[in-house]
Amino acid sequence: MYVNIFIVLTLLHCLVIPVRLNDARIIEGVIISMIADLRQSIRDAGLDPYNLEEASAAFELPVPVIFNAQASVSDISSNGLSNIVVENISFTVLTQRLRMTIALPKIDVSIGSIEINVIRVSVDVRIDIGLISGISIRNLNIDFTLGGIDSNLNVVIADRDISAPLNNLLGNTIPTTLRDYRAEINQLLEIIILQIASDMLG
């Protein structure tokens, strides 16, 4: 989601530089440069690689004998969050149209073991620019895909091993749901981004 919002913010930033509107290559270069800055910002924030030695949580009802749970995990780590790859980018000055595809080839998360494979987002956006009306997004199409999730977690809560159903949820249910509702998810992302852009443009 963060990447999707960043794309819109980047495009708007580029388009408020009037001199650069005449050179599509400069706009494309600015976008690529800003994505590189985003990659570095993720690393500088300590999010890639990310390491957490230990985390724990506890929950119980007012009558603990009915339900109580304690969970703790250690040696949590992840790699690959900043590996944002621009697979293709094209801006057409005449039609004010930006097309680009970005991807996260692989994110490794180690709790037990989770590997997220190829998050890919394709964006096709058209805009209108007027001296009085300013910038407005005419059309936005987003295509979000997830290659898959390999999960091999070991989770025990209240002496109950929930590893198998949790791994099934992450490795099968979630990727299948994303594929089955791909059109609806893309539509939701488009609505969210259009609303953010509308709020920015006032």
N, C-alpha and C. Protein backbone atom coordinates (compact mmCIF):
# COMPACT_ATOMS: atom_id res chain seq x y z
N MET A 1 0.82 -1.21 0.00
CA MET A 1 0.00 0.00 0.00
C MET A 1 0.85 1.26 0.00
N TYR A 2 1.90 1.24 0.90
CA TYR A 2 2.78 2.39 0.97
C TYR A 2 3.40 2.70 -0.38
N VAL A 3 3.79 1.66 -1.10
CA VAL A 3 4.40 1.85 -2.42
C VAL A 3 3.42 2.49 -3.37
N ASN A 4 2.15 2.05 -3.34
CA ASN A 4 1.13 2.63 -4.22
C ASN A 4 0.95 4.12 -3.97
N ILE A 5 0.86 4.52 -2.70
CA ILE A 5 0.70 5.93 -2.34
C ILE A 5 1.92 6.71 -2.80
N PHE A 6 3.09 6.14 -2.63
CA PHE A 6 4.33 6.81 -3.02
C PHE A 6 4.34 7.14 -4.51
N ILE A 7 3.82 6.23 -5.31
CA ILE A 7 3.80 6.45 -6.77
C ILE A 7 3.00 7.70 -7.10
N VAL A 8 1.81 7.82 -6.49
CA VAL A 8 0.96 8.97 -6.77
C VAL A 8 1.64 10.26 -6.29
N LEU A 9 2.21 10.23 -5.09
CA LEU A 9 2.88 11.42 -4.57
C LEU A 9 4.05 11.82 -5.46
N THR A 10 4.78 10.83 -5.94
CA THR A 10 5.91 11.09 -6.82
C THR A 10 5.46 11.76 -8.11
N LEU A 11 4.40 11.23 -8.72
CA LEU A 11 3.89 11.79 -9.96
C LEU A 11 3.47 13.24 -9.77
N LEU A 12 2.77 13.52 -8.68
CA LEU A 12 2.31 14.88 -8.43
C LEU A 12 3.50 15.81 -8.20
N HIS A 13 4.50 15.31 -7.52
CA HIS A 13 5.71 16.11 -7.30
C HIS A 13 6.36 16.49 -8.63
N CYS A 14 6.45 15.53 -9.51
CA CYS A 14 7.08 15.78 -10.82
C CYS A 14 6.31 16.81 -11.61
N LEU A 15 5.00 16.75 -11.55
CA LEU A 15 4.18 17.56 -12.43
C LEU A 15 4.06 19.01 -11.98
N VAL A 16 4.50 19.33 -10.77
CA VAL A 16 4.48 20.72 -10.35
C VAL A 16 5.78 21.43 -10.72
N ILE A 17 6.65 20.73 -11.47
CA ILE A 17 7.87 21.36 -11.97
C ILE A 17 7.65 21.69 -13.44
N PRO A 18 7.18 22.88 -13.81
CA PRO A 18 6.74 23.18 -15.17
C PRO A 18 7.82 22.98 -16.22
N VAL A 19 9.06 23.27 -15.92
CA VAL A 19 10.11 23.17 -16.93
C VAL A 19 10.27 21.73 -17.38
N ARG A 20 10.01 20.80 -16.49
CA ARG A 20 10.27 19.40 -16.78
C ARG A 20 9.14 18.71 -17.52
N LEU A 21 8.04 19.39 -17.69
CA LEU A 21 6.91 18.76 -18.37
C LEU A 21 7.21 18.49 -19.83
N ASN A 22 8.22 19.17 -20.38
CA ASN A 22 8.54 19.00 -21.79
C ASN A 22 9.50 17.84 -22.05
N ASP A 23 9.97 17.19 -21.03
CA ASP A 23 10.94 16.13 -21.20
C ASP A 23 10.52 14.92 -20.39
N ALA A 24 9.95 13.91 -21.06
CA ALA A 24 9.46 12.72 -20.38
C ALA A 24 10.59 11.98 -19.69
N ARG A 25 11.77 11.99 -20.31
CA ARG A 25 12.89 11.26 -19.73
C ARG A 25 13.31 11.85 -18.40
N ILE A 26 13.22 13.16 -18.27
CA ILE A 26 13.57 13.79 -16.99
C ILE A 26 12.58 13.39 -15.91
N ILE A 27 11.28 13.37 -16.27
CA ILE A 27 10.26 12.97 -15.31
C ILE A 27 10.47 11.53 -14.88
N GLU A 28 10.73 10.66 -15.84
CA GLU A 28 10.99 9.26 -15.52
C GLU A 28 12.20 9.15 -14.60
N GLY A 29 13.24 9.95 -14.89
CA GLY A 29 14.44 9.92 -14.06
C GLY A 29 14.18 10.39 -12.65
N VAL A 30 13.33 11.42 -12.51
CA VAL A 30 12.99 11.93 -11.18
C VAL A 30 12.26 10.85 -10.37
N ILE A 31 11.34 10.16 -11.02
CA ILE A 31 10.59 9.10 -10.33
C ILE A 31 11.53 7.99 -9.88
N ILE A 32 12.42 7.57 -10.78
CA ILE A 32 13.37 6.51 -10.44
C ILE A 32 14.27 6.96 -9.29
N SER A 33 14.69 8.23 -9.33
CA SER A 33 15.55 8.76 -8.27
C SER A 33 14.83 8.79 -6.93
N MET A 34 13.55 9.15 -6.95
CA MET A 34 12.80 9.21 -5.70
C MET A 34 12.55 7.81 -5.14
N ILE A 35 12.36 6.83 -6.01
CA ILE A 35 12.22 5.45 -5.53
C ILE A 35 13.53 4.98 -4.91
N ALA A 36 14.66 5.39 -5.51
CA ALA A 36 15.96 5.07 -4.92
C ALA A 36 16.09 5.71 -3.54
N ASP A 37 15.59 6.94 -3.40
CA ASP A 37 15.61 7.61 -2.09
C ASP A 37 14.73 6.85 -1.09
N LEU A 38 13.59 6.35 -1.57
CA LEU A 38 12.71 5.57 -0.71
C LEU A 38 13.40 4.30 -0.22
N ARG A 39 14.11 3.63 -1.13
CA ARG A 39 14.86 2.43 -0.75
C ARG A 39 15.85 2.74 0.36
N GLN A 40 16.58 3.86 0.17
CA GLN A 40 17.58 4.23 1.17
C GLN A 40 16.92 4.62 2.50
N SER A 41 15.77 5.29 2.43
CA SER A 41 15.06 5.69 3.65
C SER A 41 14.63 4.47 4.45
N ILE A 42 14.17 3.42 3.76
CA ILE A 42 13.78 2.19 4.45
C ILE A 42 14.98 1.59 5.17
N ARG A 43 16.14 1.60 4.51
CA ARG A 43 17.36 1.06 5.14
C ARG A 43 17.78 1.94 6.32
N ASP A 44 17.74 3.27 6.13
CA ASP A 44 18.17 4.18 7.18
C ASP A 44 17.27 4.08 8.41
N ALA A 45 16.00 3.73 8.19
CA ALA A 45 15.06 3.58 9.31
C ALA A 45 15.24 2.25 10.04
N GLY A 46 16.16 1.43 9.58
CA GLY A 46 16.41 0.15 10.22
C GLY A 46 15.39 -0.92 9.90
N LEU A 47 14.68 -0.73 8.77
CA LEU A 47 13.63 -1.69 8.40
C LEU A 47 14.11 -2.76 7.43
N ASP A 48 15.31 -2.57 6.88
CA ASP A 48 15.85 -3.59 5.97
C ASP A 48 17.38 -3.53 6.00
N PRO A 49 18.03 -4.53 6.61
CA PRO A 49 17.37 -5.65 7.29
C PRO A 49 16.77 -5.21 8.62
N TYR A 50 15.79 -5.97 9.09
CA TYR A 50 15.13 -5.68 10.36
C TYR A 50 15.36 -6.85 11.31
N ASN A 51 15.72 -6.52 12.55
CA ASN A 51 15.96 -7.56 13.54
C ASN A 51 15.33 -7.16 14.87
N LEU A 52 14.64 -8.11 15.49
CA LEU A 52 14.04 -7.92 16.81
C LEU A 52 14.37 -9.16 17.63
N GLU A 53 15.06 -8.96 18.75
CA GLU A 53 15.52 -10.11 19.53
C GLU A 53 14.36 -10.88 20.15
N GLU A 54 13.37 -10.15 20.69
CA GLU A 54 12.27 -10.87 21.35
C GLU A 54 11.04 -9.98 21.46
N ALA A 55 9.87 -10.59 21.35
CA ALA A 55 8.59 -9.91 21.55
C ALA A 55 7.63 -10.88 22.21
N SER A 56 6.80 -10.35 23.11
CA SER A 56 5.86 -11.22 23.82
C SER A 56 4.55 -10.49 24.03
N ALA A 57 3.49 -11.25 24.23
CA ALA A 57 2.16 -10.69 24.47
C ALA A 57 1.36 -11.66 25.33
N ALA A 58 0.43 -11.10 26.11
CA ALA A 58 -0.41 -11.93 26.97
C ALA A 58 -1.83 -11.37 26.95
N PHE A 59 -2.80 -12.26 27.06
CA PHE A 59 -4.20 -11.86 27.08
C PHE A 59 -4.99 -12.84 27.93
N GLU A 60 -5.89 -12.30 28.74
CA GLU A 60 -6.76 -13.17 29.52
C GLU A 60 -8.09 -12.49 29.79
N LEU A 61 -9.14 -13.28 29.91
CA LEU A 61 -10.46 -12.77 30.27
C LEU A 61 -10.51 -12.46 31.76
N PRO A 62 -11.51 -11.70 32.21
CA PRO A 62 -11.61 -11.41 33.65
C PRO A 62 -11.61 -12.68 34.51
N VAL A 63 -12.08 -13.76 33.94
CA VAL A 63 -12.00 -15.06 34.62
C VAL A 63 -10.98 -15.88 33.86
N PRO A 64 -9.71 -15.85 34.30
CA PRO A 64 -8.63 -16.46 33.50
C PRO A 64 -8.82 -17.93 33.19
N VAL A 65 -9.58 -18.63 34.04
CA VAL A 65 -9.72 -20.06 33.81
C VAL A 65 -10.47 -20.34 32.51
N ILE A 66 -11.29 -19.36 32.05
CA ILE A 66 -12.04 -19.54 30.80
C ILE A 66 -11.10 -19.43 29.61
N PHE A 67 -10.29 -18.38 29.62
CA PHE A 67 -9.35 -18.23 28.50
C PHE A 67 -8.19 -17.36 28.93
N ASN A 68 -7.00 -17.82 28.66
CA ASN A 68 -5.81 -16.99 28.82
C ASN A 68 -4.77 -17.47 27.81
N ALA A 69 -3.98 -16.54 27.36
CA ALA A 69 -3.00 -16.89 26.35
C ALA A 69 -1.74 -16.06 26.54
N GLN A 70 -0.64 -16.69 26.30
CA GLN A 70 0.65 -16.02 26.32
C GLN A 70 1.43 -16.49 25.10
N ALA A 71 2.07 -15.57 24.47
CA ALA A 71 2.86 -15.93 23.29
C ALA A 71 4.14 -15.11 23.28
N SER A 72 5.19 -15.71 22.82
CA SER A 72 6.45 -14.99 22.68
C SER A 72 7.20 -15.53 21.47
N VAL A 73 7.89 -14.65 20.82
CA VAL A 73 8.72 -15.03 19.68
C VAL A 73 10.09 -14.39 19.86
N SER A 74 11.08 -15.00 19.31
CA SER A 74 12.44 -14.46 19.43
C SER A 74 13.14 -14.54 18.08
N ASP A 75 14.19 -13.75 17.98
CA ASP A 75 15.00 -13.73 16.76
C ASP A 75 14.15 -13.49 15.52
N ILE A 76 13.37 -12.40 15.56
CA ILE A 76 12.57 -12.01 14.41
C ILE A 76 13.46 -11.19 13.46
N SER A 77 13.44 -11.54 12.20
CA SER A 77 14.24 -10.78 11.24
C SER A 77 13.55 -10.78 9.89
N SER A 78 13.87 -9.79 9.08
CA SER A 78 13.34 -9.72 7.72
C SER A 78 14.37 -9.07 6.81
N ASN A 79 14.31 -9.46 5.55
CA ASN A 79 15.20 -8.90 4.53
C ASN A 79 14.43 -8.72 3.23
N GLY A 80 14.76 -7.69 2.49
CA GLY A 80 14.20 -7.51 1.16
C GLY A 80 13.16 -6.42 1.02
N LEU A 81 12.77 -5.76 2.13
CA LEU A 81 11.71 -4.75 2.05
C LEU A 81 12.12 -3.56 1.20
N SER A 82 13.41 -3.25 1.17
CA SER A 82 13.87 -2.08 0.41
C SER A 82 14.24 -2.42 -1.03
N ASN A 83 14.15 -3.68 -1.40
CA ASN A 83 14.57 -4.09 -2.74
C ASN A 83 13.45 -3.82 -3.76
N ILE A 84 13.14 -2.54 -3.93
CA ILE A 84 12.08 -2.11 -4.84
C ILE A 84 12.67 -1.99 -6.25
N VAL A 85 12.15 -2.77 -7.16
CA VAL A 85 12.69 -2.81 -8.52
C VAL A 85 11.71 -2.16 -9.49
N VAL A 86 12.19 -1.19 -10.25
CA VAL A 86 11.38 -0.58 -11.31
C VAL A 86 11.55 -1.44 -12.56
N GLU A 87 10.54 -2.25 -12.87
CA GLU A 87 10.66 -3.16 -14.01
C GLU A 87 10.48 -2.42 -15.34
N ASN A 88 9.60 -1.45 -15.36
CA ASN A 88 9.47 -0.60 -16.54
C ASN A 88 8.79 0.70 -16.16
N ILE A 89 9.08 1.74 -16.89
CA ILE A 89 8.47 3.05 -16.63
C ILE A 89 8.39 3.83 -17.94
N SER A 90 7.27 4.49 -18.16
CA SER A 90 7.08 5.25 -19.39
C SER A 90 6.12 6.41 -19.12
N PHE A 91 6.56 7.63 -19.42
CA PHE A 91 5.70 8.79 -19.30
C PHE A 91 5.56 9.45 -20.66
N THR A 92 4.32 9.66 -21.09
CA THR A 92 4.04 10.28 -22.38
C THR A 92 3.55 11.70 -22.16
N VAL A 93 4.31 12.67 -22.63
CA VAL A 93 3.97 14.07 -22.40
C VAL A 93 2.67 14.44 -23.10
N LEU A 94 2.48 13.98 -24.34
CA LEU A 94 1.31 14.37 -25.13
C LEU A 94 0.01 13.97 -24.46
N THR A 95 -0.04 12.75 -23.94
CA THR A 95 -1.27 12.26 -23.30
C THR A 95 -1.24 12.39 -21.79
N GLN A 96 -0.13 12.89 -21.25
CA GLN A 96 0.04 12.99 -19.80
C GLN A 96 -0.25 11.65 -19.12
N ARG A 97 0.38 10.61 -19.62
CA ARG A 97 0.12 9.26 -19.14
C ARG A 97 1.39 8.63 -18.60
N LEU A 98 1.29 8.10 -17.39
CA LEU A 98 2.41 7.40 -16.77
C LEU A 98 2.07 5.91 -16.64
N ARG A 99 2.97 5.09 -17.12
CA ARG A 99 2.85 3.65 -16.93
C ARG A 99 4.12 3.15 -16.25
N MET A 100 3.95 2.35 -15.21
CA MET A 100 5.12 1.78 -14.57
C MET A 100 4.75 0.50 -13.83
N THR A 101 5.72 -0.37 -13.69
CA THR A 101 5.56 -1.59 -12.91
C THR A 101 6.72 -1.67 -11.94
N ILE A 102 6.39 -1.81 -10.66
CA ILE A 102 7.42 -1.98 -9.65
C ILE A 102 7.19 -3.30 -8.92
N ALA A 103 8.25 -3.84 -8.38
CA ALA A 103 8.15 -5.16 -7.75
C ALA A 103 9.07 -5.25 -6.55
N LEU A 104 8.66 -6.08 -5.60
CA LEU A 104 9.51 -6.53 -4.51
C LEU A 104 9.75 -8.01 -4.77
N PRO A 105 10.90 -8.37 -5.34
CA PRO A 105 11.10 -9.76 -5.77
C PRO A 105 10.95 -10.79 -4.67
N LYS A 106 11.45 -10.48 -3.47
CA LYS A 106 11.29 -11.45 -2.38
C LYS A 106 11.53 -10.78 -1.04
N ILE A 107 10.65 -11.07 -0.08
CA ILE A 107 10.83 -10.61 1.29
C ILE A 107 10.93 -11.84 2.18
N ASP A 108 12.07 -12.00 2.84
CA ASP A 108 12.26 -13.11 3.76
C ASP A 108 11.97 -12.64 5.18
N VAL A 109 11.03 -13.30 5.84
CA VAL A 109 10.70 -13.01 7.23
C VAL A 109 10.98 -14.25 8.05
N SER A 110 11.82 -14.10 9.05
CA SER A 110 12.18 -15.24 9.88
C SER A 110 11.57 -15.08 11.27
N ILE A 111 10.53 -15.86 11.54
CA ILE A 111 9.97 -15.99 12.89
C ILE A 111 10.06 -17.47 13.23
N GLY A 112 9.52 -18.23 12.38
CA GLY A 112 9.84 -19.62 12.23
C GLY A 112 10.44 -19.60 10.84
N SER A 113 9.59 -19.40 9.87
CA SER A 113 10.08 -19.16 8.51
C SER A 113 8.92 -18.72 7.63
N ILE A 114 9.01 -17.51 7.12
CA ILE A 114 8.02 -17.02 6.15
C ILE A 114 8.79 -16.38 5.00
N GLU A 115 8.40 -16.74 3.79
CA GLU A 115 9.01 -16.13 2.61
C GLU A 115 7.90 -15.63 1.70
N ILE A 116 7.91 -14.32 1.45
CA ILE A 116 6.90 -13.71 0.57
C ILE A 116 7.54 -13.51 -0.79
N ASN A 117 6.92 -14.09 -1.81
CA ASN A 117 7.53 -14.10 -3.14
C ASN A 117 6.85 -13.12 -4.09
N VAL A 118 7.60 -12.21 -4.60
CA VAL A 118 7.24 -11.30 -5.70
C VAL A 118 5.91 -10.57 -5.48
N ILE A 119 6.01 -9.43 -4.81
CA ILE A 119 4.89 -8.48 -4.77
C ILE A 119 5.08 -7.53 -5.95
N ARG A 120 4.11 -7.50 -6.84
CA ARG A 120 4.25 -6.68 -8.04
C ARG A 120 3.04 -5.73 -8.17
N VAL A 121 3.32 -4.46 -8.47
CA VAL A 121 2.27 -3.46 -8.64
C VAL A 121 2.47 -2.77 -9.99
N SER A 122 1.47 -2.86 -10.86
CA SER A 122 1.49 -2.14 -12.13
C SER A 122 0.54 -0.95 -12.03
N VAL A 123 1.01 0.21 -12.50
CA VAL A 123 0.23 1.44 -12.39
C VAL A 123 0.10 2.08 -13.77
N ASP A 124 -1.12 2.47 -14.11
CA ASP A 124 -1.39 3.19 -15.36
C ASP A 124 -2.26 4.39 -14.97
N VAL A 125 -1.69 5.59 -15.06
CA VAL A 125 -2.42 6.78 -14.62
C VAL A 125 -2.38 7.85 -15.70
N ARG A 126 -3.53 8.51 -15.91
CA ARG A 126 -3.62 9.64 -16.83
C ARG A 126 -4.07 10.86 -16.05
N ILE A 127 -3.50 12.00 -16.41
CA ILE A 127 -3.80 13.22 -15.67
C ILE A 127 -4.19 14.34 -16.62
N ASP A 128 -4.84 15.35 -16.04
CA ASP A 128 -5.14 16.59 -16.75
C ASP A 128 -4.43 17.72 -16.02
N ILE A 129 -3.86 18.65 -16.80
CA ILE A 129 -3.18 19.80 -16.22
C ILE A 129 -3.77 21.07 -16.82
N GLY A 130 -4.28 21.95 -15.97
CA GLY A 130 -4.83 23.22 -16.43
C GLY A 130 -4.27 24.37 -15.62
N LEU A 131 -4.10 25.53 -16.26
CA LEU A 131 -3.55 26.68 -15.55
C LEU A 131 -4.46 27.11 -14.41
N ILE A 132 -5.77 26.94 -14.59
CA ILE A 132 -6.72 27.33 -13.55
C ILE A 132 -7.11 26.14 -12.68
N SER A 133 -7.43 25.03 -13.34
CA SER A 133 -7.92 23.86 -12.60
C SER A 133 -6.80 23.10 -11.90
N GLY A 134 -5.54 23.31 -12.34
CA GLY A 134 -4.43 22.61 -11.72
C GLY A 134 -4.34 21.17 -12.21
N ILE A 135 -3.86 20.29 -11.33
CA ILE A 135 -3.66 18.90 -11.69
C ILE A 135 -4.82 18.04 -11.20
N SER A 136 -5.32 17.19 -12.08
CA SER A 136 -6.36 16.25 -11.67
C SER A 136 -6.08 14.90 -12.34
N ILE A 137 -6.41 13.84 -11.63
CA ILE A 137 -6.22 12.50 -12.18
C ILE A 137 -7.46 12.11 -12.96
N ARG A 138 -7.27 11.87 -14.25
CA ARG A 138 -8.37 11.51 -15.12
C ARG A 138 -8.74 10.04 -15.01
N ASN A 139 -7.71 9.20 -14.91
CA ASN A 139 -7.96 7.77 -14.87
C ASN A 139 -6.80 7.08 -14.16
N LEU A 140 -7.11 6.07 -13.36
CA LEU A 140 -6.08 5.34 -12.63
C LEU A 140 -6.42 3.85 -12.63
N ASN A 141 -5.46 3.05 -13.07
CA ASN A 141 -5.62 1.60 -13.04
C ASN A 141 -4.43 0.98 -12.31
N ILE A 142 -4.74 0.10 -11.38
CA ILE A 142 -3.70 -0.56 -10.59
C ILE A 142 -3.91 -2.07 -10.68
N ASP A 143 -2.80 -2.79 -10.79
CA ASP A 143 -2.87 -4.25 -10.79
C ASP A 143 -1.85 -4.77 -9.77
N PHE A 144 -2.37 -5.29 -8.66
CA PHE A 144 -1.53 -5.81 -7.58
C PHE A 144 -1.54 -7.33 -7.62
N THR A 145 -0.35 -7.93 -7.58
CA THR A 145 -0.27 -9.38 -7.57
C THR A 145 0.75 -9.83 -6.53
N LEU A 146 0.52 -11.01 -6.00
CA LEU A 146 1.42 -11.63 -5.03
C LEU A 146 1.79 -13.01 -5.55
N GLY A 147 3.10 -13.24 -5.68
CA GLY A 147 3.54 -14.53 -6.20
C GLY A 147 3.20 -15.69 -5.30
N GLY A 148 3.29 -15.50 -4.00
CA GLY A 148 2.97 -16.57 -3.06
C GLY A 148 3.64 -16.34 -1.73
N ILE A 149 3.24 -17.14 -0.74
CA ILE A 149 3.83 -17.08 0.59
C ILE A 149 4.21 -18.48 1.01
N ASP A 150 5.47 -18.68 1.35
CA ASP A 150 5.92 -19.95 1.89
C ASP A 150 6.05 -19.79 3.40
N SER A 151 5.23 -20.52 4.15
CA SER A 151 5.20 -20.36 5.60
C SER A 151 5.49 -21.68 6.31
N ASN A 152 6.42 -21.61 7.25
CA ASN A 152 6.75 -22.77 8.07
C ASN A 152 6.95 -22.32 9.51
N LEU A 153 5.90 -21.68 10.05
CA LEU A 153 5.96 -21.14 11.40
C LEU A 153 5.75 -22.24 12.45
N ASN A 154 6.28 -21.98 13.63
CA ASN A 154 6.02 -22.82 14.79
C ASN A 154 5.42 -21.94 15.88
N VAL A 155 4.11 -22.07 16.11
CA VAL A 155 3.41 -21.20 17.04
C VAL A 155 2.60 -22.04 18.03
N VAL A 156 2.82 -21.78 19.32
CA VAL A 156 2.09 -22.46 20.38
C VAL A 156 1.47 -21.40 21.28
N ILE A 157 0.16 -21.45 21.45
CA ILE A 157 -0.57 -20.53 22.31
C ILE A 157 -1.35 -21.34 23.33
N ALA A 158 -1.15 -21.03 24.61
CA ALA A 158 -1.85 -21.72 25.70
C ALA A 158 -1.71 -23.23 25.55
N ASP A 159 -0.48 -23.66 25.30
CA ASP A 159 -0.15 -25.09 25.16
C ASP A 159 -0.84 -25.75 23.96
N ARG A 160 -1.31 -24.93 23.04
CA ARG A 160 -1.94 -25.48 21.85
C ARG A 160 -1.12 -25.11 20.62
N ASP A 161 -0.75 -26.10 19.86
CA ASP A 161 0.05 -25.87 18.65
C ASP A 161 -0.88 -25.48 17.49
N ILE A 162 -0.75 -24.22 17.06
CA ILE A 162 -1.60 -23.73 15.95
C ILE A 162 -0.77 -23.53 14.68
N SER A 163 0.39 -24.16 14.63
CA SER A 163 1.29 -23.97 13.50
C SER A 163 0.65 -24.37 12.18
N ALA A 164 0.03 -25.55 12.13
CA ALA A 164 -0.52 -26.05 10.87
C ALA A 164 -1.61 -25.15 10.30
N PRO A 165 -2.66 -24.80 11.10
CA PRO A 165 -3.69 -23.91 10.53
C PRO A 165 -3.17 -22.53 10.18
N LEU A 166 -2.20 -22.02 10.95
CA LEU A 166 -1.65 -20.70 10.65
C LEU A 166 -0.83 -20.73 9.36
N ASN A 167 -0.03 -21.78 9.20
CA ASN A 167 0.74 -21.91 7.96
C ASN A 167 -0.17 -22.09 6.75
N ASN A 168 -1.28 -22.79 6.95
CA ASN A 168 -2.25 -22.97 5.85
C ASN A 168 -2.91 -21.63 5.50
N LEU A 169 -3.22 -20.83 6.54
CA LEU A 169 -3.81 -19.51 6.31
C LEU A 169 -2.87 -18.63 5.50
N LEU A 170 -1.60 -18.59 5.91
CA LEU A 170 -0.63 -17.72 5.25
C LEU A 170 -0.23 -18.25 3.87
N GLY A 171 -0.02 -19.55 3.76
CA GLY A 171 0.51 -20.11 2.54
C GLY A 171 -0.52 -20.43 1.47
N ASN A 172 -1.79 -20.64 1.90
CA ASN A 172 -2.82 -21.04 0.93
C ASN A 172 -4.00 -20.08 0.89
N THR A 173 -4.61 -19.85 2.07
CA THR A 173 -5.86 -19.08 2.10
C THR A 173 -5.65 -17.64 1.62
N ILE A 174 -4.64 -16.96 2.15
CA ILE A 174 -4.42 -15.56 1.79
C ILE A 174 -4.06 -15.40 0.31
N PRO A 175 -3.07 -16.15 -0.23
CA PRO A 175 -2.77 -16.00 -1.67
C PRO A 175 -3.96 -16.34 -2.56
N THR A 176 -4.72 -17.38 -2.19
CA THR A 176 -5.90 -17.75 -2.99
C THR A 176 -6.95 -16.66 -2.96
N THR A 177 -7.16 -16.08 -1.77
CA THR A 177 -8.15 -15.00 -1.64
C THR A 177 -7.74 -13.78 -2.46
N LEU A 178 -6.44 -13.46 -2.42
CA LEU A 178 -5.96 -12.32 -3.21
C LEU A 178 -6.15 -12.55 -4.70
N ARG A 179 -5.94 -13.78 -5.15
CA ARG A 179 -6.15 -14.08 -6.57
C ARG A 179 -7.63 -14.04 -6.92
N ASP A 180 -8.47 -14.62 -6.06
CA ASP A 180 -9.91 -14.68 -6.35
C ASP A 180 -10.55 -13.30 -6.37
N TYR A 181 -10.05 -12.40 -5.53
CA TYR A 181 -10.64 -11.06 -5.42
C TYR A 181 -9.69 -9.99 -5.96
N ARG A 182 -8.92 -10.37 -6.95
CA ARG A 182 -7.92 -9.46 -7.52
C ARG A 182 -8.54 -8.18 -8.05
N ALA A 183 -9.62 -8.30 -8.80
CA ALA A 183 -10.27 -7.11 -9.38
C ALA A 183 -10.79 -6.19 -8.28
N GLU A 184 -11.42 -6.79 -7.25
CA GLU A 184 -11.98 -5.98 -6.16
C GLU A 184 -10.89 -5.30 -5.35
N ILE A 185 -9.78 -5.99 -5.12
CA ILE A 185 -8.67 -5.41 -4.37
C ILE A 185 -8.05 -4.26 -5.15
N ASN A 186 -7.86 -4.45 -6.45
CA ASN A 186 -7.33 -3.38 -7.28
C ASN A 186 -8.25 -2.16 -7.27
N GLN A 187 -9.55 -2.42 -7.34
CA GLN A 187 -10.51 -1.32 -7.32
C GLN A 187 -10.45 -0.57 -5.99
N LEU A 188 -10.30 -1.30 -4.89
CA LEU A 188 -10.19 -0.67 -3.58
C LEU A 188 -8.94 0.19 -3.48
N LEU A 189 -7.81 -0.32 -3.98
CA LEU A 189 -6.57 0.45 -3.97
C LEU A 189 -6.71 1.71 -4.80
N GLU A 190 -7.38 1.61 -5.94
CA GLU A 190 -7.58 2.78 -6.80
C GLU A 190 -8.42 3.84 -6.08
N ILE A 191 -9.47 3.40 -5.38
CA ILE A 191 -10.33 4.35 -4.65
C ILE A 191 -9.54 5.06 -3.57
N ILE A 192 -8.73 4.31 -2.83
CA ILE A 192 -7.95 4.88 -1.74
C ILE A 192 -6.96 5.91 -2.27
N ILE A 193 -6.24 5.56 -3.35
CA ILE A 193 -5.24 6.46 -3.88
C ILE A 193 -5.87 7.70 -4.50
N LEU A 194 -6.99 7.53 -5.19
CA LEU A 194 -7.68 8.67 -5.77
C LEU A 194 -8.15 9.63 -4.67
N GLN A 195 -8.60 9.09 -3.55
CA GLN A 195 -9.05 9.92 -2.44
C GLN A 195 -7.87 10.70 -1.84
N ILE A 196 -6.74 10.02 -1.67
CA ILE A 196 -5.55 10.68 -1.14
C ILE A 196 -5.11 11.80 -2.09
N ALA A 197 -5.09 11.50 -3.39
CA ALA A 197 -4.69 12.51 -4.38
C ALA A 197 -5.66 13.69 -4.37
N SER A 198 -6.96 13.40 -4.24
CA SER A 198 -7.98 14.45 -4.23
C SER A 198 -7.78 15.36 -3.01
N ASP A 199 -7.48 14.76 -1.86
CA ASP A 199 -7.26 15.55 -0.64
C ASP A 199 -6.02 16.43 -0.80
N MET A 200 -4.99 15.90 -1.46
CA MET A 200 -3.76 16.67 -1.65
C MET A 200 -3.99 17.86 -2.57
N LEU A 201 -4.79 17.63 -3.61
CA LEU A 201 -5.00 18.67 -4.61
C LEU A 201 -6.06 19.67 -4.18
N GLY A 202 -6.79 19.31 -3.10
CA GLY A 202 -7.78 20.24 -2.56
C GLY A 202 -8.98 20.40 -3.45
